[in-house]
């Protein structure tokens, strides 16, 4: 089970499925008229799919694998510490933090609704003209960076899932945590219909599933996985039906063909920069999340503007995916080193997740981004970095110092093997004591999409 949750496996699953989807779409392209229409709209040519692009993707995966392997061999057993988490207090603080995030989001919608003449008028406007409604919402932002609060909902949902899996907890505490999951899922199902950013719901579903598997030590919840898949596909279909009203087709036909186009578009963004000579942005894509959070994005955007304008010629809808963004930023040699570094860091998080709730939550968030890394570099987006900062701060508030105990620290992964005769099972009271590595390392970000994010 553990190898399937490893970062290299998640990356290969993502790019393997994306490549298979693109191959299937191209094989039946003559039957997919809407895909051809969308491709002409974005000026996507199949001539961009060259052997040079394929060679870079292979080299990029190899470089990432080298960094991943280096982290595995350089790992040393962690020194035991006496930091333990108060799960009840963590649940209350998670609920309070989530109320703040949802409250800011609700106030934002209420402000926009007041401008539109009421909530019903806003809903009707979203159905008739979603793009105008989206502009109305953006014009009524409460403060700069407000959308980070809305985008942090997957982080608190992931934390609530982890606390539920760690249990046992009192019934009312479990009720609070379940309300976080339900409330955040509903919010991220409804708002992206107008605001796009469907990746937020996908990030919530994937990160919650990954953290549950990490804590349980096995793949869990196949029924819930099917429900989550159905929920996301329902959001996808609803969004496409509203934003493409000019097509006299069924919602299913529009949605499936638009999904096939997204696969083609993402893979085109992966290959196109390798087909021509391009200027490199030297971190402009990979570090934009850090620039945004440090309020230096405007300064660097002005400096990089000429290079970014040239890159629009090799960028379809959306943005460059993870593997190609490294090439666009640093070129083939430094780009390969950068991907090796990224592979090393993410594997480090994965290894630490076995002993640390903080690292398990961080890896669940990061691992989810690897599963759609063929679409964007959400791995270094300010939304993800902000969520990691919130999770780290909350866990520090619920960490307690205890006297050393003679027993070994419990693992976050629960082994299904029977204990050896000389090693008696741990008492139940230790299951709730999870060691916390308090410093979390944040990663940089990718460029903002030119078009709506899937």
Protein backbone atom coordinates (compact mmCIF):
# COMPACT_ATOMS: atom_id res chain seq x y z
CA UNK A 1 0.00 0.00 0.00
CA UNK A 2 2.69 2.48 1.02
CA UNK A 3 4.43 2.41 -2.36
CA UNK A 4 1.15 3.36 -4.06
CA UNK A 5 0.90 6.51 -1.90
CA UNK A 6 4.53 7.49 -2.52
CA UNK A 7 5.14 10.74 -4.45
CA UNK A 8 6.81 9.05 -7.42
CA UNK A 9 3.83 6.68 -7.79
CA UNK A 10 1.34 9.58 -7.64
CA UNK A 11 3.32 11.49 -10.28
CA UNK A 12 3.48 8.46 -12.59
CA UNK A 13 -0.25 7.77 -12.11
CA UNK A 14 -1.08 11.35 -13.10
CA UNK A 15 1.10 11.50 -16.21
CA UNK A 16 0.29 7.92 -17.20
CA UNK A 17 -3.46 8.54 -17.12
CA UNK A 18 -3.06 11.90 -18.87
CA UNK A 19 -0.97 10.34 -21.63
CA UNK A 20 -3.46 7.51 -22.08
CA UNK A 21 -6.33 10.00 -22.24
CA UNK A 22 -4.54 12.08 -24.87
CA UNK A 23 -3.72 9.02 -26.97
CA UNK A 24 -7.35 7.88 -26.83
CA UNK A 25 -8.62 11.35 -27.74
CA UNK A 26 -6.28 11.68 -30.71
CA UNK A 27 -7.25 8.21 -31.92
CA UNK A 28 -10.91 9.28 -32.13
CA UNK A 29 -10.35 12.98 -32.87
CA UNK A 30 -12.35 12.86 -36.10
CA UNK A 31 -15.47 11.93 -34.07
CA UNK A 32 -14.97 14.65 -31.44
CA UNK A 33 -16.10 17.79 -33.23
CA UNK A 34 -16.25 19.93 -30.09
CA UNK A 35 -12.66 19.03 -29.23
CA UNK A 36 -11.62 20.18 -32.70
CA UNK A 37 -13.57 23.42 -32.21
CA UNK A 38 -11.86 24.13 -28.87
CA UNK A 39 -8.46 23.31 -30.37
CA UNK A 40 -9.00 25.79 -33.20
CA UNK A 41 -10.12 28.40 -30.68
CA UNK A 42 -6.85 28.06 -28.75
CA UNK A 43 -4.79 27.60 -31.95
CA UNK A 44 -3.43 24.22 -30.90
CA UNK A 45 -1.54 22.34 -33.58
CA UNK A 46 -0.63 18.67 -33.39
CA UNK A 47 2.79 19.55 -34.86
CA UNK A 48 3.86 20.59 -31.34
CA UNK A 49 3.92 16.93 -30.24
CA UNK A 50 7.55 16.27 -31.15
CA UNK A 51 10.10 13.70 -30.04
CA UNK A 52 12.06 16.51 -28.38
CA UNK A 53 9.15 17.22 -26.08
CA UNK A 54 8.75 13.53 -25.29
CA UNK A 55 12.48 13.29 -24.55
CA UNK A 56 12.26 16.20 -22.10
CA UNK A 57 9.30 14.68 -20.26
CA UNK A 58 11.22 11.42 -19.92
CA UNK A 59 14.31 13.28 -18.67
CA UNK A 60 12.17 15.31 -16.25
CA UNK A 61 10.60 12.19 -14.77
CA UNK A 62 14.05 10.60 -14.50
CA UNK A 63 15.44 13.67 -12.71
CA UNK A 64 12.53 13.67 -10.29
CA UNK A 65 13.08 9.95 -9.64
CA UNK A 66 16.77 10.58 -8.89
CA UNK A 67 15.87 13.18 -6.27
CA UNK A 68 13.23 10.86 -4.83
CA UNK A 69 15.74 8.01 -4.61
CA UNK A 70 18.39 10.25 -3.01
CA UNK A 71 15.96 11.19 -0.23
CA UNK A 72 15.22 7.54 0.45
CA UNK A 73 18.90 6.63 0.83
CA UNK A 74 19.80 9.73 2.85
CA UNK A 75 17.05 9.21 5.43
CA UNK A 76 18.06 8.64 9.03
CA UNK A 77 15.79 7.48 11.84
CA UNK A 78 14.33 10.56 13.54
CA UNK A 79 15.27 11.41 17.11
CA UNK A 80 12.41 10.96 19.48
CA UNK A 81 10.84 14.08 20.97
CA UNK A 82 8.18 14.59 23.60
CA UNK A 83 5.78 16.79 21.66
CA UNK A 84 2.20 15.50 21.69
CA UNK A 85 -1.07 16.82 20.34
CA UNK A 86 -4.28 17.50 22.23
CA UNK A 87 -6.81 16.14 19.73
CA UNK A 88 -9.86 17.69 21.43
CA UNK A 89 -8.33 21.15 21.44
CA UNK A 90 -7.18 20.65 17.85
CA UNK A 91 -10.76 19.82 16.82
CA UNK A 92 -12.16 22.97 18.48
CA UNK A 93 -9.51 25.22 16.94
CA UNK A 94 -10.00 23.63 13.51
CA UNK A 95 -13.73 24.29 13.74
CA UNK A 96 -13.13 27.91 14.81
CA UNK A 97 -10.61 28.51 12.02
CA UNK A 98 -12.96 26.99 9.48
CA UNK A 99 -15.78 29.27 10.68
CA UNK A 100 -13.52 32.25 9.97
CA UNK A 101 -12.75 30.99 6.46
CA UNK A 102 -16.40 30.25 5.68
CA UNK A 103 -17.50 33.52 7.31
CA UNK A 104 -15.21 35.61 5.12
CA UNK A 105 -16.42 33.70 2.05
CA UNK A 106 -20.09 34.16 3.02
CA UNK A 107 -19.59 37.89 3.65
CA UNK A 108 -17.94 38.20 0.25
CA UNK A 109 -20.90 36.53 -1.48
CA UNK A 110 -23.38 38.63 0.51
CA UNK A 111 -21.60 41.83 -0.55
CA UNK A 112 -21.70 40.79 -4.21
CA UNK A 113 -25.34 39.72 -3.88
CA UNK A 114 -26.26 43.15 -2.51
CA UNK A 115 -24.75 44.70 -5.64
CA UNK A 116 -26.75 42.31 -7.84
CA UNK A 117 -30.07 42.99 -6.09
CA UNK A 118 -30.17 39.95 -3.82
CA UNK A 119 -28.97 36.39 -3.57
CA UNK A 120 -31.62 35.04 -5.96
CA UNK A 121 -30.69 37.64 -8.56
CA UNK A 122 -27.02 36.69 -8.17
CA UNK A 123 -27.87 33.00 -8.68
CA UNK A 124 -29.96 33.80 -11.74
CA UNK A 125 -27.17 35.95 -13.16
CA UNK A 126 -24.70 33.12 -12.62
CA UNK A 127 -26.90 30.79 -14.65
CA UNK A 128 -27.43 33.31 -17.46
CA UNK A 129 -23.95 34.83 -17.67
CA UNK A 130 -21.39 33.18 -15.41
CA UNK A 131 -18.48 35.29 -16.67
CA UNK A 132 -20.19 38.57 -15.77
CA UNK A 133 -21.12 37.17 -12.38
CA UNK A 134 -17.52 36.11 -11.83
CA UNK A 135 -16.36 39.66 -12.61
CA UNK A 136 -18.92 41.01 -10.13
CA UNK A 137 -17.56 38.77 -7.40
CA UNK A 138 -13.98 39.75 -8.16
CA UNK A 139 -14.88 43.44 -8.07
CA UNK A 140 -16.38 43.04 -4.58
CA UNK A 141 -13.42 41.37 -2.87
CA UNK A 142 -13.33 42.42 0.78
CA UNK A 143 -9.55 42.92 0.90
CA UNK A 144 -6.38 42.04 -1.01
CA UNK A 145 -5.63 38.35 -0.72
CA UNK A 146 -9.17 37.53 0.40
CA UNK A 147 -9.42 34.62 -2.00
CA UNK A 148 -6.75 32.82 0.02
CA UNK A 149 -9.36 32.32 2.75
CA UNK A 150 -11.72 30.66 0.29
CA UNK A 151 -8.86 28.61 -1.16
CA UNK A 152 -7.76 27.37 2.31
CA UNK A 153 -10.96 25.33 2.80
CA UNK A 154 -9.30 22.12 1.48
CA UNK A 155 -6.63 22.49 4.16
CA UNK A 156 -9.04 22.63 7.10
CA UNK A 157 -11.09 19.78 5.60
CA UNK A 158 -7.92 17.68 5.37
CA UNK A 159 -7.09 18.46 9.01
CA UNK A 160 -10.63 17.54 10.10
CA UNK A 161 -10.31 14.21 8.25
CA UNK A 162 -7.01 13.47 9.99
CA UNK A 163 -8.49 14.14 13.44
CA UNK A 164 -11.48 11.92 12.66
CA UNK A 165 -9.17 9.08 11.64
CA UNK A 166 -6.98 9.47 14.72
CA UNK A 167 -9.93 9.20 17.20
CA UNK A 168 -11.63 7.98 19.24
CA UNK A 169 -13.29 11.31 19.93
CA UNK A 170 -16.53 12.28 21.74
CA UNK A 171 -19.64 12.30 19.59
CA UNK A 172 -20.06 16.08 19.64
CA UNK A 173 -16.43 16.56 18.58
CA UNK A 174 -16.90 14.17 15.67
CA UNK A 175 -20.03 16.11 14.75
CA UNK A 176 -18.05 19.35 14.56
CA UNK A 177 -15.41 17.74 12.35
CA UNK A 178 -18.03 16.19 10.08
CA UNK A 179 -19.72 19.58 9.74
CA UNK A 180 -16.40 20.98 8.49
CA UNK A 181 -16.17 18.30 5.81
CA UNK A 182 -19.77 18.73 4.68
CA UNK A 183 -19.72 22.54 4.78
CA UNK A 184 -16.44 22.89 2.90
CA UNK A 185 -17.45 20.33 0.28
CA UNK A 186 -20.74 22.14 -0.37
CA UNK A 187 -19.00 25.52 -0.54
CA UNK A 188 -16.43 24.25 -3.02
CA UNK A 189 -19.12 22.52 -5.05
CA UNK A 190 -21.30 25.63 -5.45
CA UNK A 191 -18.80 28.50 -5.75
CA UNK A 192 -16.63 27.02 -8.55
CA UNK A 193 -19.70 26.89 -10.79
CA UNK A 194 -19.29 30.66 -11.02
CA UNK A 195 -15.66 31.23 -10.03
CA UNK A 196 -14.15 28.24 -11.89
CA UNK A 197 -11.25 26.94 -9.70
CA UNK A 198 -12.68 23.43 -9.73
CA UNK A 199 -9.23 22.32 -8.65
CA UNK A 200 -10.12 23.43 -5.13
CA UNK A 201 -12.78 20.74 -4.82
CA UNK A 202 -10.41 18.21 -6.39
CA UNK A 203 -7.70 19.27 -3.93
CA UNK A 204 -10.11 18.78 -1.01
CA UNK A 205 -11.25 15.33 -2.11
CA UNK A 206 -7.79 14.01 -2.94
CA UNK A 207 -6.02 15.40 0.14
CA UNK A 208 -8.70 14.07 2.50
CA UNK A 209 -8.43 10.63 0.93
CA UNK A 210 -4.63 10.62 1.07
CA UNK A 211 -4.44 11.64 4.73
CA UNK A 212 -7.03 8.99 5.66
CA UNK A 213 -4.96 6.33 3.90
CA UNK A 214 -1.75 7.54 5.55
CA UNK A 215 -3.22 7.38 9.04
CA UNK A 216 -5.06 4.10 8.57
CA UNK A 217 -2.03 2.53 6.90
CA UNK A 218 -4.03 1.13 4.00
CA UNK A 219 -6.23 2.15 1.10
CA UNK A 220 -9.61 2.98 2.58
CA UNK A 221 -13.08 4.02 1.61
CA UNK A 222 -13.64 2.70 -1.90
CA UNK A 223 -17.30 3.63 -1.63
CA UNK A 224 -16.41 7.17 -0.53
CA UNK A 225 -13.91 7.37 -3.39
CA UNK A 226 -16.65 6.64 -5.91
CA UNK A 227 -18.88 9.25 -4.24
CA UNK A 228 -16.07 11.81 -4.41
CA UNK A 229 -15.47 11.03 -8.09
CA UNK A 230 -19.17 11.41 -8.82
CA UNK A 231 -19.26 14.71 -6.93
CA UNK A 232 -16.36 16.19 -8.89
CA UNK A 233 -17.71 14.99 -12.25
CA UNK A 234 -21.08 16.50 -11.32
CA UNK A 235 -19.39 19.85 -10.67
CA UNK A 236 -17.49 19.53 -13.95
CA UNK A 237 -20.63 18.86 -15.95
CA UNK A 238 -22.57 21.67 -14.25
CA UNK A 239 -19.80 24.18 -14.94
CA UNK A 240 -19.46 23.19 -18.59
CA UNK A 241 -23.21 23.24 -19.17
CA UNK A 242 -23.40 26.82 -17.85
CA UNK A 243 -20.30 28.19 -19.57
CA UNK A 244 -21.05 26.62 -22.98
CA UNK A 245 -24.74 27.41 -23.58
CA UNK A 246 -24.22 28.02 -27.31
CA UNK A 247 -23.80 24.30 -28.03
CA UNK A 248 -27.05 22.48 -28.67
CA UNK A 249 -25.78 19.29 -27.05
CA UNK A 250 -26.44 17.27 -23.97
CA UNK A 251 -24.57 18.23 -20.78
CA UNK A 252 -22.79 14.87 -20.82
CA UNK A 253 -21.55 15.34 -24.40
CA UNK A 254 -20.27 18.86 -23.72
CA UNK A 255 -18.65 17.86 -20.43
CA UNK A 256 -16.85 14.78 -21.74
CA UNK A 257 -15.57 16.50 -24.87
CA UNK A 258 -14.40 19.50 -22.84
CA UNK A 259 -12.55 17.10 -20.50
CA UNK A 260 -10.90 15.47 -23.52
CA UNK A 261 -9.91 18.92 -24.77
CA UNK A 262 -8.36 19.80 -21.41
CA UNK A 263 -6.19 16.70 -21.65
CA UNK A 264 -5.06 17.70 -25.14
CA UNK A 265 -4.50 21.30 -24.04
CA UNK A 266 -2.43 20.32 -20.99
CA UNK A 267 -0.25 17.96 -22.99
CA UNK A 268 0.17 20.62 -25.69
CA UNK A 269 1.42 23.01 -23.00
CA UNK A 270 3.88 20.29 -22.00
CA UNK A 271 5.30 19.85 -25.52
CA UNK A 272 5.01 23.26 -27.20
CA UNK A 273 7.88 25.07 -25.37
CA UNK A 274 10.26 22.30 -26.53
CA UNK A 275 9.35 22.76 -30.20
CA UNK A 276 10.78 26.31 -30.48
CA UNK A 277 13.39 28.46 -28.79
CA UNK A 278 11.95 30.33 -25.81
CA UNK A 279 13.25 32.82 -23.21
CA UNK A 280 13.60 31.39 -19.71
CA UNK A 281 11.95 33.07 -16.74
CA UNK A 282 14.48 32.02 -14.05
CA UNK A 283 11.94 31.12 -11.40
CA UNK A 284 9.16 33.43 -12.52
CA UNK A 285 6.75 30.50 -12.72
CA UNK A 286 7.99 28.35 -9.85
CA UNK A 287 8.39 31.16 -7.33
CA UNK A 288 5.31 33.24 -8.09
CA UNK A 289 3.48 31.84 -5.05
CA UNK A 290 6.25 33.09 -2.76
CA UNK A 291 6.25 36.41 -4.63
CA UNK A 292 2.51 36.77 -4.07
CA UNK A 293 2.70 36.06 -0.34
CA UNK A 294 5.61 38.50 0.04
CA UNK A 295 3.84 41.18 -2.09
CA UNK A 296 6.68 41.26 -4.61
CA UNK A 297 4.77 39.67 -7.49
CA UNK A 298 4.01 43.02 -9.13
CA UNK A 299 7.67 44.02 -9.16
CA UNK A 300 8.88 40.76 -10.70
CA UNK A 301 5.94 40.64 -13.12
CA UNK A 302 7.09 44.01 -14.49
CA UNK A 303 10.66 42.72 -14.92
CA UNK A 304 9.58 39.44 -16.53
CA UNK A 305 6.79 40.94 -18.67
CA UNK A 306 8.71 40.77 -22.01
CA UNK A 307 9.61 37.11 -21.45
CA UNK A 308 6.10 36.19 -20.32
CA UNK A 309 4.59 37.87 -23.39
CA UNK A 310 6.76 35.74 -25.70
CA UNK A 311 5.71 32.59 -23.82
CA UNK A 312 2.07 33.21 -24.69
CA UNK A 313 2.86 31.88 -28.16
CA UNK A 314 3.61 28.44 -26.72
CA UNK A 315 0.86 28.44 -24.09
CA UNK A 316 -2.67 27.32 -24.82
CA UNK A 317 -5.38 27.60 -22.19
CA UNK A 318 -4.35 27.37 -18.54
CA UNK A 319 -0.67 27.21 -17.60
CA UNK A 320 2.44 25.11 -17.95
CA UNK A 321 2.42 21.79 -16.07
CA UNK A 322 4.93 20.86 -13.38
CA UNK A 323 7.53 19.08 -15.54
CA UNK A 324 7.57 21.66 -18.33
CA UNK A 325 7.46 24.70 -16.04
CA UNK A 326 10.89 23.67 -14.72
CA UNK A 327 12.24 23.75 -18.30
CA UNK A 328 10.59 27.10 -19.04
CA UNK A 329 12.03 28.56 -15.84
CA UNK A 330 15.57 27.20 -15.86
CA UNK A 331 16.32 25.39 -19.13
CA UNK A 332 17.15 21.69 -19.53
CA UNK A 333 20.13 21.35 -17.16
CA UNK A 334 19.05 23.56 -14.27
CA UNK A 335 15.46 22.45 -14.82
CA UNK A 336 16.47 18.83 -14.28
CA UNK A 337 18.34 19.78 -11.09
CA UNK A 338 15.31 21.72 -9.90
CA UNK A 339 13.01 18.72 -10.42
CA UNK A 340 15.49 16.49 -8.59
CA UNK A 341 15.38 18.93 -5.67
CA UNK A 342 11.57 18.92 -5.72
CA UNK A 343 11.57 15.11 -5.75
CA UNK A 344 13.97 15.06 -2.79
CA UNK A 345 11.85 17.47 -0.71
CA UNK A 346 8.53 15.74 -1.38
CA UNK A 347 9.97 12.30 -0.57
CA UNK A 348 11.35 13.82 2.66
CA UNK A 349 7.81 14.93 3.55
CA UNK A 350 6.49 11.46 2.74
CA UNK A 351 9.06 9.73 4.95
CA UNK A 352 8.45 12.12 7.84
CA UNK A 353 4.68 11.59 7.50
CA UNK A 354 5.11 8.18 9.09
CA UNK A 355 5.99 9.74 12.44
CA UNK A 356 4.42 13.21 12.28
CA UNK A 357 0.86 14.42 11.95
CA UNK A 358 2.10 17.76 10.62
CA UNK A 359 4.10 16.15 7.84
CA UNK A 360 1.24 13.73 7.08
CA UNK A 361 -1.10 16.67 6.53
CA UNK A 362 1.49 18.52 4.46
CA UNK A 363 2.18 15.48 2.31
CA UNK A 364 -1.55 14.87 1.76
CA UNK A 365 -1.87 18.43 0.45
CA UNK A 366 1.25 18.13 -1.72
CA UNK A 367 0.45 14.59 -2.90
CA UNK A 368 -2.96 15.75 -4.10
CA UNK A 369 -1.29 18.35 -6.33
CA UNK A 370 0.92 15.64 -7.86
CA UNK A 371 -2.23 13.87 -9.03
CA UNK A 372 -3.10 16.82 -11.29
CA UNK A 373 0.46 18.07 -11.93
CA UNK A 374 -0.04 17.54 -15.68
CA UNK A 375 -2.47 20.48 -15.55
CA UNK A 376 -0.57 23.07 -13.51
CA UNK A 377 2.13 23.73 -10.93
CA UNK A 378 -0.35 23.99 -8.06
CA UNK A 379 2.41 22.45 -5.97
CA UNK A 380 3.87 25.95 -5.50
CA UNK A 381 0.65 27.99 -5.66
CA UNK A 382 -0.01 30.59 -2.97
CA UNK A 383 -3.26 28.80 -2.12
CA UNK A 384 -1.36 25.67 -1.12
CA UNK A 385 1.39 27.58 0.69
CA UNK A 386 -1.19 29.54 2.69
CA UNK A 387 -3.00 26.33 3.66
CA UNK A 388 0.26 24.78 4.86
CA UNK A 389 1.02 27.86 6.96
CA UNK A 390 -2.43 27.72 8.59
CA UNK A 391 -2.11 24.00 9.35
CA UNK A 392 1.37 24.48 10.82
CA UNK A 393 0.25 27.38 13.01
CA UNK A 394 -2.78 25.49 14.32
CA UNK A 395 -0.75 22.40 15.17
CA UNK A 396 1.75 24.49 17.11
CA UNK A 397 -1.11 25.83 19.23
CA UNK A 398 -2.24 22.33 20.23
CA UNK A 399 1.20 20.85 20.87
CA UNK A 400 1.99 19.88 24.44
CA UNK A 401 5.29 18.98 26.09
CA UNK A 402 5.29 15.76 28.11
CA UNK A 403 7.88 13.93 30.13
CA UNK A 404 9.81 11.21 28.28
CA UNK A 405 8.17 7.79 28.22
CA UNK A 406 10.00 4.47 28.00
CA UNK A 407 7.75 3.21 25.20
CA UNK A 408 8.60 3.92 21.56
CA UNK A 409 6.67 6.64 19.79
CA UNK A 410 3.67 5.27 17.84
CA UNK A 411 3.77 5.37 14.09
CA UNK A 412 1.21 7.25 12.09
CA UNK A 413 1.09 4.34 9.64
CA UNK A 414 -0.70 1.42 11.28
CA UNK A 415 0.85 -1.89 10.35
CA UNK A 416 -1.43 -4.86 9.68
CA UNK A 417 1.31 -7.35 10.62
CA UNK A 418 1.12 -9.09 13.99
CA UNK A 419 3.69 -7.82 16.54
CA UNK A 420 6.72 -9.93 17.29
CA UNK A 421 6.60 -11.98 20.52
CA UNK A 422 9.21 -9.81 22.23
CA UNK A 423 7.36 -6.60 21.36
CA UNK A 424 4.01 -6.39 23.25
CA UNK A 425 1.30 -4.22 21.69
CA UNK A 426 1.14 -0.58 22.70
CA UNK A 427 -1.60 0.51 25.15
CA UNK A 428 -4.60 2.25 23.64
CA UNK A 429 -3.73 5.50 25.38
CA UNK A 430 -0.68 5.90 23.16
CA UNK A 431 -2.67 5.80 19.93
CA UNK A 432 -3.79 9.39 20.58
CA UNK A 433 -0.24 10.65 21.14
CA UNK A 434 1.23 11.69 17.82
CA UNK A 435 4.65 13.30 17.63
CA UNK A 436 4.77 16.59 15.77
CA UNK A 437 7.68 17.92 13.75
CA UNK A 438 6.96 21.61 14.21
CA UNK A 439 8.85 23.20 11.32
CA UNK A 440 7.29 22.80 7.88
CA UNK A 441 9.09 23.80 4.76
CA UNK A 442 7.05 25.64 2.14
CA UNK A 443 7.52 25.41 -1.55
CA UNK A 444 7.27 28.10 -4.24
CA UNK A 445 4.43 28.63 -6.87
CA UNK A 446 3.41 28.62 -10.54
CA UNK A 447 2.04 31.31 -12.81
CA UNK A 448 -1.59 32.27 -12.81
CA UNK A 449 -3.66 30.68 -15.62
CA UNK A 450 -4.45 32.78 -18.62
CA UNK A 451 -7.87 31.21 -18.84
CA UNK A 452 -10.10 29.68 -16.23
CA UNK A 453 -8.59 26.96 -14.12
CA UNK A 454 -10.17 23.52 -14.58
